[in-house]
PDB file of N, CA and C in Angstrom:
ATOM      1  N   MET A   1     106.408  89.406 123.987  1.00  0.00           N
ATOM      2  CA  MET A   1     106.996  89.733 125.398  1.00  0.00           C
ATOM      3  C   MET A   1     108.449  90.588 125.396  1.00  0.00           C
ATOM      4  N   ILE A   2     108.613  90.959 125.995  1.00  0.00           N
ATOM      5  CA  ILE A   2     109.879  91.744 126.256  1.00  0.00           C
ATOM      6  C   ILE A   2     111.130  90.798 127.456  1.00  0.00           C
ATOM      7  N   TRP A   3     112.039  90.729 126.759  1.00  0.00           N
ATOM      8  CA  TRP A   3     112.789  89.922 127.564  1.00  0.00           C
ATOM      9  C   TRP A   3     113.790  90.958 128.109  1.00  0.00           C
ATOM     10  N   LYS A   4     114.089  90.682 129.227  1.00  0.00           N
ATOM     11  CA  LYS A   4     115.166  90.901 130.055  1.00  0.00           C
ATOM     12  C   LYS A   4     116.447  91.194 130.165  1.00  0.00           C
ATOM     13  N   VAL A   5     117.303  92.240 129.887  1.00  0.00           N
ATOM     14  CA  VAL A   5     118.494  91.808 129.465  1.00  0.00           C
ATOM     15  C   VAL A   5     119.121  92.770 130.647  1.00  0.00           C
ATOM     16  N   GLU A   6     120.222  91.991 131.857  1.00  0.00           N
ATOM     17  CA  GLU A   6     121.082  92.707 132.722  1.00  0.00           C
ATOM     18  C   GLU A   6     122.689  92.937 132.845  1.00  0.00           C
ATOM     19  N   PHE A   7     122.908  93.654 132.973  1.00  0.00           N
ATOM     20  CA  PHE A   7     124.809  93.717 132.689  1.00  0.00           C
ATOM     21  C   PHE A   7     125.103  92.937 134.290  1.00  0.00           C
ATOM     22  N   THR A   8     126.101  92.006 134.177  1.00  0.00           N
ATOM     23  CA  THR A   8     127.103  92.404 135.296  1.00  0.00           C
ATOM     24  C   THR A   8     128.004  93.492 135.743  1.00  0.00           C
ATOM     25  N   THR A   9     128.032  93.966 137.035  1.00  0.00           N
ATOM     26  CA  THR A   9     128.760  94.585 137.623  1.00  0.00           C
ATOM     27  C   THR A   9     129.930  95.379 136.687  1.00  0.00           C
ATOM     28  N   LYS A  10     131.050  93.585 136.764  1.00  0.00           N
ATOM     29  CA  LYS A  10     132.059  93.757 135.440  1.00  0.00           C
ATOM     30  C   LYS A  10     131.874  94.741 134.596  1.00  0.00           C
ATOM     31  N   ALA A  11     130.215  93.911 133.456  1.00  0.00           N
ATOM     32  CA  ALA A  11     130.109  94.552 132.306  1.00  0.00           C
ATOM     33  C   ALA A  11     130.007  95.302 132.329  1.00  0.00           C
ATOM     34  N   SER A  12     129.280  96.133 132.992  1.00  0.00           N
ATOM     35  CA  SER A  12     128.678  97.925 133.168  1.00  0.00           C
ATOM     36  C   SER A  12     129.774  98.431 133.302  1.00  0.00           C
ATOM     37  N   ASP A  13     131.207  98.166 134.421  1.00  0.00           N
ATOM     38  CA  ASP A  13     132.280  99.063 134.058  1.00  0.00           C
ATOM     39  C   ASP A  13     132.730  99.139 133.111  1.00  0.00           C
ATOM     40  N   GLN A  14     132.956  97.959 131.950  1.00  0.00           N
ATOM     41  CA  GLN A  14     133.598  97.780 130.960  1.00  0.00           C
ATOM     42  C   GLN A  14     132.920  98.673 130.069  1.00  0.00           C
ATOM     43  N   VAL A  15     131.544  98.828 130.105  1.00  0.00           N
ATOM     44  CA  VAL A  15     130.964  99.741 129.098  1.00  0.00           C
ATOM     45  C   VAL A  15     131.897 101.490 129.278  1.00  0.00           C
ATOM     46  N   ALA A  16     132.149 101.827 129.969  1.00  0.00           N
ATOM     47  CA  ALA A  16     132.823 103.084 129.667  1.00  0.00           C
ATOM     48  C   ALA A  16     134.137 102.921 129.112  1.00  0.00           C
ATOM     49  N   ASN A  17     134.808 102.093 129.098  1.00  0.00           N
ATOM     50  CA  ASN A  17     136.349 101.995 128.297  1.00  0.00           C
ATOM     51  C   ASN A  17     135.804 101.798 126.941  1.00  0.00           C
ATOM     52  N   LEU A  18     134.476 101.769 126.267  1.00  0.00           N
ATOM     53  CA  LEU A  18     134.196 101.889 124.971  1.00  0.00           C
ATOM     54  C   LEU A  18     134.320 103.012 124.013  1.00  0.00           C
ATOM     55  N   SER A  19     134.650 102.706 122.554  1.00  0.00           N
ATOM     56  CA  SER A  19     134.475 103.887 121.945  1.00  0.00           C
ATOM     57  C   SER A  19     133.006 104.440 121.504  1.00  0.00           C
ATOM     58  N   GLU A  20     132.494 105.856 121.348  1.00  0.00           N
ATOM     59  CA  GLU A  20     131.673 106.001 121.099  1.00  0.00           C
ATOM     60  C   GLU A  20     130.289 104.884 119.779  1.00  0.00           C
ATOM     61  N   LYS A  21     131.216 104.570 119.013  1.00  0.00           N
ATOM     62  CA  LYS A  21     130.803 104.013 118.151  1.00  0.00           C
ATOM     63  C   LYS A  21     130.283 102.519 118.268  1.00  0.00           C
ATOM     64  N   ALA A  22     130.935 101.793 119.304  1.00  0.00           N
ATOM     65  CA  ALA A  22     130.796 100.877 119.952  1.00  0.00           C
ATOM     66  C   ALA A  22     129.267 100.755 121.099  1.00  0.00           C
ATOM     67  N   LYS A  23     129.616 101.662 122.096  1.00  0.00           N
ATOM     68  CA  LYS A  23     128.440 102.071 122.850  1.00  0.00           C
ATOM     69  C   LYS A  23     127.353 102.493 121.842  1.00  0.00           C
ATOM     70  N   GLU A  24     127.513 102.845 120.588  1.00  0.00           N
ATOM     71  CA  GLU A  24     126.100 102.593 119.688  1.00  0.00           C
ATOM     72  C   GLU A  24     124.673 101.496 119.599  1.00  0.00           C
ATOM     73  N   SER A  25     126.371 100.563 119.318  1.00  0.00           N
ATOM     74  CA  SER A  25     126.597  99.182 118.849  1.00  0.00           C
ATOM     75  C   SER A  25     125.912  98.815 119.716  1.00  0.00           C
ATOM     76  N   LEU A  26     126.362  98.722 121.064  1.00  0.00           N
ATOM     77  CA  LEU A  26     126.094  97.756 122.234  1.00  0.00           C
ATOM     78  C   LEU A  26     124.219  98.560 122.149  1.00  0.00           C
ATOM     79  N   ARG A  27     123.752  99.567 122.474  1.00  0.00           N
ATOM     80  CA  ARG A  27     122.514  99.911 122.456  1.00  0.00           C
ATOM     81  C   ARG A  27     121.992  99.527 121.041  1.00  0.00           C
ATOM     82  N   LEU A  28     122.121  99.338 120.486  1.00  0.00           N
ATOM     83  CA  LEU A  28     121.157  98.772 119.258  1.00  0.00           C
ATOM     84  C   LEU A  28     121.307  97.209 119.772  1.00  0.00           C
ATOM     85  N   LEU A  29     121.956  96.619 120.208  1.00  0.00           N
ATOM     86  CA  LEU A  29     122.115  95.177 120.364  1.00  0.00           C
ATOM     87  C   LEU A  29     120.969  94.568 121.706  1.00  0.00           C
ATOM     88  N   VAL A  30     121.217  95.540 122.494  1.00  0.00           N
ATOM     89  CA  VAL A  30     120.470  95.161 123.659  1.00  0.00           C
ATOM     90  C   VAL A  30     118.897  95.617 123.218  1.00  0.00           C
ATOM     91  N   LYS A  31     118.572  96.429 122.592  1.00  0.00           N
ATOM     92  CA  LYS A  31     117.524  96.418 121.774  1.00  0.00           C
ATOM     93  C   LYS A  31     116.438  95.465 121.024  1.00  0.00           C
ATOM     94  N   ASP A  32     117.933  94.760 120.512  1.00  0.00           N
ATOM     95  CA  ASP A  32     117.447  93.793 119.859  1.00  0.00           C
ATOM     96  C   ASP A  32     117.363  92.253 120.593  1.00  0.00           C
ATOM     97  N   LEU A  33     117.996  92.108 121.191  1.00  0.00           N
ATOM     98  CA  LEU A  33     117.926  90.830 122.502  1.00  0.00           C
ATOM     99  C   LEU A  33     116.848  91.289 123.407  1.00  0.00           C
ATOM    100  N   GLN A  34     116.409  92.411 123.773  1.00  0.00           N
ATOM    101  CA  GLN A  34     115.059  92.217 124.185  1.00  0.00           C
ATOM    102  C   GLN A  34     113.660  92.555 123.571  1.00  0.00           C
ATOM    103  N   THR A  35     114.107  92.688 122.107  1.00  0.00           N
ATOM    104  CA  THR A  35     112.449  92.165 121.247  1.00  0.00           C
ATOM    105  C   THR A  35     112.775  91.019 120.500  1.00  0.00           C
ATOM    106  N   SER A  36     114.111  89.874 120.385  1.00  0.00           N
ATOM    107  CA  SER A  36     114.302  88.973 119.646  1.00  0.00           C
ATOM    108  C   SER A  36     114.955  87.713 120.833  1.00  0.00           C
ATOM    109  N   GLY A  37     115.031  88.046 121.641  1.00  0.00           N
ATOM    110  CA  GLY A  37     115.702  87.329 122.923  1.00  0.00           C
ATOM    111  C   GLY A  37     117.360  87.043 122.692  1.00  0.00           C
ATOM    112  N   ALA A  38     118.077  85.486 122.735  1.00  0.00           N
ATOM    113  CA  ALA A  38     119.144  85.711 122.993  1.00  0.00           C
ATOM    114  C   ALA A  38     120.211  85.368 121.647  1.00  0.00           C
ATOM    115  N   ALA A  39     119.138  85.155 120.109  1.00  0.00           N
ATOM    116  CA  ALA A  39     119.391  85.388 118.960  1.00  0.00           C
ATOM    117  C   ALA A  39     118.753  86.406 118.402  1.00  0.00           C
ATOM    118  N   PRO A  40     119.821  87.278 118.509  1.00  0.00           N
ATOM    119  CA  PRO A  40     119.060  88.635 117.767  1.00  0.00           C
ATOM    120  C   PRO A  40     119.093  88.347 116.329  1.00  0.00           C
ATOM    121  N   GLY A  41     120.240  87.485 115.801  1.00  0.00           N
ATOM    122  CA  GLY A  41     120.027  87.390 114.111  1.00  0.00           C
ATOM    123  C   GLY A  41     121.297  87.514 113.522  1.00  0.00           C
ATOM    124  N   LYS A  42     121.305  86.903 112.075  1.00  0.00           N
ATOM    125  CA  LYS A  42     122.471  87.502 111.123  1.00  0.00           C
ATOM    126  C   LYS A  42     122.758  88.539 111.117  1.00  0.00           C
ATOM    127  N   GLY A  43     122.378  89.091 111.284  1.00  0.00           N
ATOM    128  CA  GLY A  43     122.623  90.854 111.207  1.00  0.00           C
ATOM    129  C   GLY A  43     123.747  91.754 111.848  1.00  0.00           C
ATOM    130  N   TRP A  44     124.080  90.761 112.746  1.00  0.00           N
ATOM    131  CA  TRP A  44     125.703  91.119 113.856  1.00  0.00           C
ATOM    132  C   TRP A  44     126.652  90.403 113.216  1.00  0.00           C
ATOM    133  N   PRO A  45     127.703  91.214 112.825  1.00  0.00           N
ATOM    134  CA  PRO A  45     129.068  90.458 112.881  1.00  0.00           C
ATOM    135  C   PRO A  45     129.650  89.708 113.464  1.00  0.00           C
ATOM    136  N   HIS A  46     129.477  88.464 112.796  1.00  0.00           N
ATOM    137  CA  HIS A  46     130.392  87.382 113.939  1.00  0.00           C
ATOM    138  C   HIS A  46     129.493  86.739 114.952  1.00  0.00           C
ATOM    139  N   TYR A  47     128.513  86.933 114.600  1.00  0.00           N
ATOM    140  CA  TYR A  47     127.326  86.382 115.699  1.00  0.00           C
ATOM    141  C   TYR A  47     127.400  84.659 115.654  1.00  0.00           C
ATOM    142  N   GLY A  48     127.593  84.597 116.929  1.00  0.00           N
ATOM    143  CA  GLY A  48     127.320  82.756 117.114  1.00  0.00           C
ATOM    144  C   GLY A  48     127.490  82.332 118.607  1.00  0.00           C
ATOM    145  N   LYS A  49     126.710  81.002 118.810  1.00  0.00           N
ATOM    146  CA  LYS A  49     126.948  80.513 120.205  1.00  0.00           C
ATOM    147  C   LYS A  49     128.802  80.372 120.327  1.00  0.00           C
ATOM    148  N   LEU A  50     128.968  80.224 121.569  1.00  0.00           N
ATOM    149  CA  LEU A  50     130.220  80.053 122.071  1.00  0.00           C
ATOM    150  C   LEU A  50     129.904  78.547 122.476  1.00  0.00           C
ATOM    151  N   GLU A  51     131.122  77.902 121.696  1.00  0.00           N
ATOM    152  CA  GLU A  51     131.036  76.357 121.838  1.00  0.00           C
ATOM    153  C   GLU A  51     131.912  75.950 122.932  1.00  0.00           C
ATOM    154  N   GLY A  52     131.480  74.678 123.933  1.00  0.00           N
ATOM    155  CA  GLY A  52     132.170  74.321 124.798  1.00  0.00           C
ATOM    156  C   GLY A  52     132.603  75.641 126.130  1.00  0.00           C
ATOM    157  N   HIS A  53     131.822  75.962 126.182  1.00  0.00           N
ATOM    158  CA  HIS A  53     131.048  76.369 127.610  1.00  0.00           C
ATOM    159  C   HIS A  53     129.889  76.042 128.388  1.00  0.00           C
ATOM    160  N   LYS A  54     130.020  75.972 129.412  1.00  0.00           N
ATOM    161  CA  LYS A  54     128.551  76.020 130.060  1.00  0.00           C
ATOM    162  C   LYS A  54     127.404  76.517 129.736  1.00  0.00           C
ATOM    163  N   GLY A  55     126.056  76.541 129.430  1.00  0.00           N
ATOM    164  CA  GLY A  55     124.961  76.975 129.839  1.00  0.00           C
ATOM    165  C   GLY A  55     125.004  77.697 128.453  1.00  0.00           C
ATOM    166  N   ASP A  56     124.420  78.280 127.731  1.00  0.00           N
ATOM    167  CA  ASP A  56     123.882  79.085 126.328  1.00  0.00           C
ATOM    168  C   ASP A  56     124.199  80.396 126.742  1.00  0.00           C
ATOM    169  N   LYS A  57     125.722  80.308 125.711  1.00  0.00           N
ATOM    170  CA  LYS A  57     126.203  81.536 125.804  1.00  0.00           C
ATOM    171  C   LYS A  57     126.598  81.947 124.622  1.00  0.00           C
ATOM    172  N   ARG A  58     126.751  83.311 124.053  1.00  0.00           N
ATOM    173  CA  ARG A  58     126.633  83.723 122.656  1.00  0.00           C
ATOM    174  C   ARG A  58     127.938  84.960 122.582  1.00  0.00           C
ATOM    175  N   HIS A  59     127.932  85.538 121.616  1.00  0.00           N
ATOM    176  CA  HIS A  59     128.790  86.855 121.333  1.00  0.00           C
ATOM    177  C   HIS A  59     128.822  87.230 119.706  1.00  0.00           C
ATOM    178  N   CYS A  60     129.012  88.563 119.198  1.00  0.00           N
ATOM    179  CA  CYS A  60     129.370  89.158 118.865  1.00  0.00           C
ATOM    180  C   CYS A  60     130.366  90.106 118.338  1.00  0.00           C
ATOM    181  N   HIS A  61     130.387  90.848 117.193  1.00  0.00           N
ATOM    182  CA  HIS A  61     131.348  92.401 117.073  1.00  0.00           C
ATOM    183  C   HIS A  61     130.456  93.258 117.528  1.00  0.00           C
ATOM    184  N   LEU A  62     130.895  94.325 117.939  1.00  0.00           N
ATOM    185  CA  LEU A  62     130.594  95.402 117.979  1.00  0.00           C
ATOM    186  C   LEU A  62     130.484  96.725 117.088  1.00  0.00           C
ATOM    187  N   THR A  63     132.050  96.643 116.796  1.00  0.00           N
ATOM    188  CA  THR A  63     132.651  97.121 115.781  1.00  0.00           C
ATOM    189  C   THR A  63     133.743  96.144 115.131  1.00  0.00           C
ATOM    190  N   ARG A  64     134.031  96.480 113.712  1.00  0.00           N
ATOM    191  CA  ARG A  64     135.020  96.361 113.147  1.00  0.00           C
ATOM    192  C   ARG A  64     136.700  97.003 113.109  1.00  0.00           C
ATOM    193  N   GLY A  65     137.706  96.415 112.814  1.00  0.00           N
ATOM    194  CA  GLY A  65     138.881  97.136 112.637  1.00  0.00           C
ATOM    195  C   GLY A  65     139.821  97.302 114.053  1.00  0.00           C
ATOM    196  N   ARG A  66     140.455  98.321 113.767  1.00  0.00           N
ATOM    197  CA  ARG A  66     141.302  97.910 115.471  1.00  0.00           C
ATOM    198  C   ARG A  66     140.931  98.848 116.238  1.00  0.00           C
ATOM    199  N   PRO A  67     140.678  98.865 117.716  1.00  0.00           N
ATOM    200  CA  PRO A  67     140.487  97.690 118.140  1.00  0.00           C
ATOM    201  C   PRO A  67     139.174  97.216 117.716  1.00  0.00           C
ATOM    202  N   THR A  68     138.560  95.533 117.400  1.00  0.00           N
ATOM    203  CA  THR A  68     137.797  95.381 117.620  1.00  0.00           C
ATOM    204  C   THR A  68     137.150  94.760 118.850  1.00  0.00           C
ATOM    205  N   TYR A  69     135.747  95.539 119.065  1.00  0.00           N
ATOM    206  CA  TYR A  69     134.920  95.873 120.295  1.00  0.00           C
ATOM    207  C   TYR A  69     133.855  94.354 120.219  1.00  0.00           C
ATOM    208  N   VAL A  70     133.743  93.534 121.658  1.00  0.00           N
ATOM    209  CA  VAL A  70     132.988  92.113 121.414  1.00  0.00           C
ATOM    210  C   VAL A  70     131.890  92.728 122.187  1.00  0.00           C
ATOM    211  N   CYS A  71     130.797  91.492 122.385  1.00  0.00           N
ATOM    212  CA  CYS A  71     129.782  91.783 123.785  1.00  0.00           C
ATOM    213  C   CYS A  71     129.438  89.952 123.381  1.00  0.00           C
ATOM    214  N   CYS A  72     129.733  89.612 124.863  1.00  0.00           N
ATOM    215  CA  CYS A  72     129.060  88.106 125.520  1.00  0.00           C
ATOM    216  C   CYS A  72     128.173  88.094 125.863  1.00  0.00           C
ATOM    217  N   TRP A  73     127.061  87.188 126.283  1.00  0.00           N
ATOM    218  CA  TRP A  73     126.141  87.210 126.869  1.00  0.00           C
ATOM    219  C   TRP A  73     125.961  85.873 127.122  1.00  0.00           C
ATOM    220  N   ALA A  74     124.995  85.567 128.084  1.00  0.00           N
ATOM    221  CA  ALA A  74     124.402  84.118 128.267  1.00  0.00           C
ATOM    222  C   ALA A  74     123.016  84.253 128.333  1.00  0.00           C
ATOM    223  N   LEU A  75     121.856  83.061 128.411  1.00  0.00           N
ATOM    224  CA  LEU A  75     120.145  83.076 127.883  1.00  0.00           C
ATOM    225  C   LEU A  75     120.401  82.102 129.598  1.00  0.00           C
ATOM    226  N   ILE A  76     120.044  83.232 130.746  1.00  0.00           N
ATOM    227  CA  ILE A  76     120.013  82.482 131.865  1.00  0.00           C
ATOM    228  C   ILE A  76     118.883  82.210 132.071  1.00  0.00           C
ATOM    229  N   ASP A  77     117.703  82.620 131.753  1.00  0.00           N
ATOM    230  CA  ASP A  77     116.345  81.569 131.774  1.00  0.00           C
ATOM    231  C   ASP A  77     115.518  81.995 130.954  1.00  0.00           C
ATOM    232  N   LYS A  78     115.286  80.776 129.983  1.00  0.00           N
ATOM    233  CA  LYS A  78     114.269  80.696 128.875  1.00  0.00           C
ATOM    234  C   LYS A  78     112.928  81.053 129.802  1.00  0.00           C
ATOM    235  N   LYS A  79     112.097  80.777 130.874  1.00  0.00           N
ATOM    236  CA  LYS A  79     110.933  80.733 130.972  1.00  0.00           C
ATOM    237  C   LYS A  79     110.509  82.314 131.583  1.00  0.00           C
ATOM    238  N   THR A  80     111.876  82.869 132.141  1.00  0.00           N
ATOM    239  CA  THR A  80     111.704  84.183 132.261  1.00  0.00           C
ATOM    240  C   THR A  80     111.844  85.360 131.761  1.00  0.00           C
ATOM    241  N   LYS A  81     112.675  84.651 130.596  1.00  0.00           N
ATOM    242  CA  LYS A  81     112.995  85.289 129.488  1.00  0.00           C
ATOM    243  C   LYS A  81     114.114  86.449 130.268  1.00  0.00           C
ATOM    244  N   LEU A  82     115.275  85.674 130.630  1.00  0.00           N
ATOM    245  CA  LEU A  82     116.398  86.873 131.326  1.00  0.00           C
ATOM    246  C   LEU A  82     117.427  86.675 130.534  1.00  0.00           C
ATOM    247  N   ILE A  83     118.406  87.687 130.575  1.00  0.00           N
ATOM    248  CA  ILE A  83     119.738  87.325 129.837  1.00  0.00           C
ATOM    249  C   ILE A  83     120.903  88.235 130.215  1.00  0.00           C
ATOM    250  N   GLU A  84     122.076  87.414 130.384  1.00  0.00           N
ATOM    251  CA  GLU A  84     123.130  88.394 131.235  1.00  0.00           C
ATOM    252  C   GLU A  84     124.490  88.980 130.027  1.00  0.00           C
ATOM    253  N   ILE A  85     124.445  90.201 130.229  1.00  0.00           N
ATOM    254  CA  ILE A  85     125.627  90.694 129.184  1.00  0.00           C
ATOM    255  C   ILE A  85     126.536  90.723 130.532  1.00  0.00           C
ATOM    256  N   TYR A  86     127.513  89.391 130.097  1.00  0.00           N
ATOM    257  CA  TYR A  86     129.080  89.277 131.155  1.00  0.00           C
ATOM    258  C   TYR A  86     130.163  89.672 130.601  1.00  0.00           C
ATOM    259  N   TYR A  87     130.331  90.005 129.551  1.00  0.00           N
ATOM    260  CA  TYR A  87     131.398  90.951 129.033  1.00  0.00           C
ATOM    261  C   TYR A  87     131.195  91.964 127.776  1.00  0.00           C
ATOM    262  N   VAL A  88     131.764  93.141 127.876  1.00  0.00           N
ATOM    263  CA  VAL A  88     132.003  93.845 126.724  1.00  0.00           C
ATOM    264  C   VAL A  88     133.416  94.584 127.167  1.00  0.00           C
ATOM    265  N   GLY A  89     134.365  94.285 125.711  1.00  0.00           N
ATOM    266  CA  GLY A  89     135.230  95.130 125.305  1.00  0.00           C
ATOM    267  C   GLY A  89     136.230  94.551 124.562  1.00  0.00           C
ATOM    268  N   THR A  90     137.685  94.282 124.233  1.00  0.00           N
ATOM    269  CA  THR A  90     138.303  94.022 123.045  1.00  0.00           C
ATOM    270  C   THR A  90     138.012  92.471 123.023  1.00  0.00           C
ATOM    271  N   HIS A  91     138.303  92.404 121.240  1.00  0.00           N
ATOM    272  CA  HIS A  91     138.483  91.012 120.839  1.00  0.00           C
ATOM    273  C   HIS A  91     139.387  89.944 121.573  1.00  0.00           C
ATOM    274  N   GLU A  92     140.545  91.016 121.714  1.00  0.00           N
ATOM    275  CA  GLU A  92     141.345  90.089 122.397  1.00  0.00           C
ATOM    276  C   GLU A  92     141.186  89.642 123.677  1.00  0.00           C
ATOM    277  N   ARG A  93     140.669  90.049 124.339  1.00  0.00           N
ATOM    278  CA  ARG A  93     140.704  90.149 126.216  1.00  0.00           C
ATOM    279  C   ARG A  93     139.178  89.124 126.376  1.00  0.00           C
ATOM    280  N   ALA A  94     138.215  89.133 125.076  1.00  0.00           N
ATOM    281  CA  ALA A  94     137.037  88.089 125.390  1.00  0.00           C
ATOM    282  C   ALA A  94     137.724  86.822 126.482  1.00  0.00           C
ATOM    283  N   PRO A  95     136.425  86.147 127.065  1.00  0.00           N
ATOM    284  CA  PRO A  95     136.599  85.129 127.455  1.00  0.00           C
ATOM    285  C   PRO A  95     136.260  83.829 126.581  1.00  0.00           C
ATOM    286  N   TYR A  96     136.607  83.621 125.473  1.00  0.00           N
ATOM    287  CA  TYR A  96     136.406  82.367 124.496  1.00  0.00           C
ATOM    288  C   TYR A  96     137.419  81.865 123.636  1.00  0.00           C
TER     289      TYR A  96
END
């Protein structure tokens, strides 16, 4: 079954500031999240759970180099298969 991936309003606005390479990586990540769920696998650079946060939050890097773009998402509801992307932007401003 396909997982539903939603963007917060803030994350939707942040996508406009990404480079084209980062936007393409984000599209691929969203496809992976839709098919694999909140754990897209080790194929994504620096993928991992965020420790010390309430709930099941994860992140991965979309690009390497400078600036490094990251994506952060949360597993909202495992039963209804809902994932929410809440941050897309530079590593320096990531909320972790």
